[in-house]
Structure formats: structure tokens, C-alpha cells
């Protein structure tokens, strides 16, 4: 998962992944980033 497709644009725009969980029942991977967004 590429959260920074344009590369380094400074610390205010840089996203990092902080949590990940796999839900086998629904077949999804849940990932939380440093801005509080949840990615599926």
C-alpha cells in the first residue's frame, strides 16, 4: 500500500501505517494511518 505516491513532500504530508488487522470473515485488511484514516 503506497500512502505517499509523490515521495517525500515534508513531514506535514507524510503518512505512516500504525495498525493493521485482517478480518477473514469479511475478507478485508484494515489499516490505520498517522492521520487517523482507516484504509480497506
PDB file of N, CA and C in Angstrom:
ATOM      1  N   UNK A   1       0.854  -1.162   0.000  1.00  0.00           N
ATOM      2  CA  UNK A   1       0.000   0.000   0.000  1.00  0.00           C
ATOM      3  C   UNK A   1       0.903   1.228   0.000  1.00  0.00           C
ATOM      4  N   UNK A   2       0.813   2.049  -1.023  1.00  0.00           N
ATOM      5  CA  UNK A   2       1.642   3.240  -1.140  1.00  0.00           C
ATOM      6  C   UNK A   2       0.832   4.452  -0.704  1.00  0.00           C
ATOM      7  N   UNK A   3       1.076   4.938   0.502  1.00  0.00           N
ATOM      8  CA  UNK A   3       0.369   6.113   1.013  1.00  0.00           C
ATOM      9  C   UNK A   3       1.034   7.414   0.595  1.00  0.00           C
ATOM     10  N   UNK A   4       2.242   7.337   0.045  1.00  0.00           N
ATOM     11  CA  UNK A   4       2.998   8.518  -0.352  1.00  0.00           C
ATOM     12  C   UNK A   4       3.477   8.379  -1.795  1.00  0.00           C
ATOM     13  N   UNK A   5       2.559   8.385  -2.763  1.00  0.00           N
ATOM     14  CA  UNK A   5       2.956   8.135  -4.154  1.00  0.00           C
ATOM     15  C   UNK A   5       3.861   9.211  -4.749  1.00  0.00           C
ATOM     16  N   UNK A   6       3.834  10.429  -4.201  1.00  0.00           N
ATOM     17  CA  UNK A   6       4.675  11.504  -4.732  1.00  0.00           C
ATOM     18  C   UNK A   6       6.008  11.612  -4.011  1.00  0.00           C
ATOM     19  N   UNK A   7       6.294  10.677  -3.103  1.00  0.00           N
ATOM     20  CA  UNK A   7       7.546  10.726  -2.364  1.00  0.00           C
ATOM     21  C   UNK A   7       7.482  11.719  -1.216  1.00  0.00           C
ATOM     22  N   UNK A   8       8.650  12.090  -0.717  1.00  0.00           N
ATOM     23  CA  UNK A   8       8.755  12.985   0.437  1.00  0.00           C
ATOM     24  C   UNK A   8       8.351  14.397   0.059  1.00  0.00           C
ATOM     25  N   UNK A   9       7.301  14.895   0.680  1.00  0.00           N
ATOM     26  CA  UNK A   9       6.830  16.263   0.462  1.00  0.00           C
ATOM     27  C   UNK A   9       6.880  17.063   1.757  1.00  0.00           C
ATOM     28  N   UNK A  10       7.576  16.568   2.754  1.00  0.00           N
ATOM     29  CA  UNK A  10       7.682  17.223   4.053  1.00  0.00           C
ATOM     30  C   UNK A  10       6.900  16.462   5.108  1.00  0.00           C
ATOM     31  N   UNK A  11       7.183  16.750   6.389  1.00  0.00           N
ATOM     32  CA  UNK A  11       6.563  15.983   7.470  1.00  0.00           C
ATOM     33  C   UNK A  11       5.062  16.210   7.620  1.00  0.00           C
ATOM     34  N   UNK A  12       4.525  17.301   7.096  1.00  0.00           N
ATOM     35  CA  UNK A  12       3.089  17.576   7.237  1.00  0.00           C
ATOM     36  C   UNK A  12       2.227  16.703   6.341  1.00  0.00           C
ATOM     37  N   UNK A  13       2.794  16.122   5.302  1.00  0.00           N
ATOM     38  CA  UNK A  13       2.013  15.311   4.369  1.00  0.00           C
ATOM     39  C   UNK A  13       2.394  13.839   4.409  1.00  0.00           C
ATOM     40  N   UNK A  14       3.457  13.495   5.113  1.00  0.00           N
ATOM     41  CA  UNK A  14       3.955  12.118   5.118  1.00  0.00           C
ATOM     42  C   UNK A  14       3.049  11.241   5.965  1.00  0.00           C
ATOM     43  N   UNK A  15       2.556  10.148   5.393  1.00  0.00           N
ATOM     44  CA  UNK A  15       1.684   9.217   6.109  1.00  0.00           C
ATOM     45  C   UNK A  15       2.446   7.953   6.459  1.00  0.00           C
ATOM     46  N   UNK A  16       2.166   7.431   7.654  1.00  0.00           N
ATOM     47  CA  UNK A  16       2.756   6.169   8.086  1.00  0.00           C
ATOM     48  C   UNK A  16       1.644   5.256   8.580  1.00  0.00           C
ATOM     49  N   UNK A  17       1.850   3.960   8.442  1.00  0.00           N
ATOM     50  CA  UNK A  17       0.875   2.981   8.919  1.00  0.00           C
ATOM     51  C   UNK A  17       1.153   2.666  10.383  1.00  0.00           C
ATOM     52  N   UNK A  18       0.092   2.671  11.209  1.00  0.00           N
ATOM     53  CA  UNK A  18       0.264   2.425  12.639  1.00  0.00           C
ATOM     54  C   UNK A  18      -0.485   1.212  13.150  1.00  0.00           C
ATOM     55  N   UNK A  19      -1.352   0.644  12.368  1.00  0.00           N
ATOM     56  CA  UNK A  19      -2.070  -0.537  12.826  1.00  0.00           C
ATOM     57  C   UNK A  19      -2.626  -1.308  11.648  1.00  0.00           C
ATOM     58  N   UNK A  20      -2.715  -2.617  11.803  1.00  0.00           N
ATOM     59  CA  UNK A  20      -3.264  -3.438  10.734  1.00  0.00           C
ATOM     60  C   UNK A  20      -3.983  -4.631  11.346  1.00  0.00           C
ATOM     61  N   UNK A  21      -5.122  -4.979  10.762  1.00  0.00           N
ATOM     62  CA  UNK A  21      -5.878  -6.144  11.208  1.00  0.00           C
ATOM     63  C   UNK A  21      -6.471  -6.824   9.984  1.00  0.00           C
ATOM     64  N   UNK A  22      -6.549  -8.135  10.030  1.00  0.00           N
ATOM     65  CA  UNK A  22      -7.135  -8.915   8.937  1.00  0.00           C
ATOM     66  C   UNK A  22      -8.442  -9.514   9.431  1.00  0.00           C
ATOM     67  N   UNK A  23      -9.528  -9.253   8.701  1.00  0.00           N
ATOM     68  CA  UNK A  23     -10.833  -9.823   9.026  1.00  0.00           C
ATOM     69  C   UNK A  23     -11.115 -10.910   7.999  1.00  0.00           C
ATOM     70  N   UNK A  24     -10.940 -12.160   8.415  1.00  0.00           N
ATOM     71  CA  UNK A  24     -11.113 -13.290   7.498  1.00  0.00           C
ATOM     72  C   UNK A  24     -12.572 -13.510   7.128  1.00  0.00           C
ATOM     73  N   UNK A  25     -13.510 -13.186   8.032  1.00  0.00           N
ATOM     74  CA  UNK A  25     -14.940 -13.365   7.737  1.00  0.00           C
ATOM     75  C   UNK A  25     -15.390 -12.499   6.571  1.00  0.00           C
ATOM     76  N   UNK A  26     -14.934 -11.247   6.566  1.00  0.00           N
ATOM     77  CA  UNK A  26     -15.331 -10.308   5.518  1.00  0.00           C
ATOM     78  C   UNK A  26     -14.339 -10.267   4.366  1.00  0.00           C
ATOM     79  N   UNK A  27     -13.142 -10.840   4.570  1.00  0.00           N
ATOM     80  CA  UNK A  27     -12.129 -10.862   3.522  1.00  0.00           C
ATOM     81  C   UNK A  27     -11.497  -9.507   3.271  1.00  0.00           C
ATOM     82  N   UNK A  28     -11.264  -8.725   4.339  1.00  0.00           N
ATOM     83  CA  UNK A  28     -10.667  -7.397   4.185  1.00  0.00           C
ATOM     84  C   UNK A  28      -9.465  -7.248   5.113  1.00  0.00           C
ATOM     85  N   UNK A  29      -8.597  -6.319   4.731  1.00  0.00           N
ATOM     86  CA  UNK A  29      -7.478  -5.913   5.574  1.00  0.00           C
ATOM     87  C   UNK A  29      -7.744  -4.469   5.975  1.00  0.00           C
ATOM     88  N   UNK A  30      -7.713  -4.187   7.267  1.00  0.00           N
ATOM     89  CA  UNK A  30      -7.943  -2.840   7.785  1.00  0.00           C
ATOM     90  C   UNK A  30      -6.607  -2.261   8.223  1.00  0.00           C
ATOM     91  N   UNK A  31      -6.315  -1.033   7.773  1.00  0.00           N
ATOM     92  CA  UNK A  31      -5.050  -0.390   8.102  1.00  0.00           C
ATOM     93  C   UNK A  31      -5.336   1.036   8.551  1.00  0.00           C
ATOM     94  N   UNK A  32      -4.725   1.444   9.674  1.00  0.00           N
ATOM     95  CA  UNK A  32      -4.868   2.814  10.175  1.00  0.00           C
ATOM     96  C   UNK A  32      -3.578   3.580   9.902  1.00  0.00           C
ATOM     97  N   UNK A  33      -3.715   4.860   9.517  1.00  0.00           N
ATOM     98  CA  UNK A  33      -2.524   5.662   9.242  1.00  0.00           C
ATOM     99  C   UNK A  33      -2.316   6.736  10.305  1.00  0.00           C
ATOM    100  N   UNK A  34      -1.255   7.518  10.143  1.00  0.00           N
ATOM    101  CA  UNK A  34      -0.867   8.521  11.128  1.00  0.00           C
ATOM    102  C   UNK A  34      -1.813   9.717  11.180  1.00  0.00           C
ATOM    103  N   UNK A  35      -2.715   9.866  10.211  1.00  0.00           N
ATOM    104  CA  UNK A  35      -3.683  10.960  10.219  1.00  0.00           C
ATOM    105  C   UNK A  35      -5.035  10.516  10.761  1.00  0.00           C
ATOM    106  N   UNK A  36      -5.146   9.257  11.184  1.00  0.00           N
ATOM    107  CA  UNK A  36      -6.385   8.749  11.753  1.00  0.00           C
ATOM    108  C   UNK A  36      -7.362   8.190  10.738  1.00  0.00           C
ATOM    109  N   UNK A  37      -6.927   7.993   9.509  1.00  0.00           N
ATOM    110  CA  UNK A  37      -7.791   7.430   8.474  1.00  0.00           C
ATOM    111  C   UNK A  37      -7.698   5.912   8.488  1.00  0.00           C
ATOM    112  N   UNK A  38      -8.809   5.270   8.164  1.00  0.00           N
ATOM    113  CA  UNK A  38      -8.863   3.816   8.081  1.00  0.00           C
ATOM    114  C   UNK A  38      -8.917   3.427   6.613  1.00  0.00           C
ATOM    115  N   UNK A  39      -7.992   2.591   6.173  1.00  0.00           N
ATOM    116  CA  UNK A  39      -7.914   2.140   4.782  1.00  0.00           C
ATOM    117  C   UNK A  39      -8.345   0.686   4.715  1.00  0.00           C
ATOM    118  N   UNK A  40      -9.104   0.331   3.678  1.00  0.00           N
ATOM    119  CA  UNK A  40      -9.548  -1.050   3.474  1.00  0.00           C
ATOM    120  C   UNK A  40      -8.766  -1.667   2.337  1.00  0.00           C
TER     121      UNK A  40
END
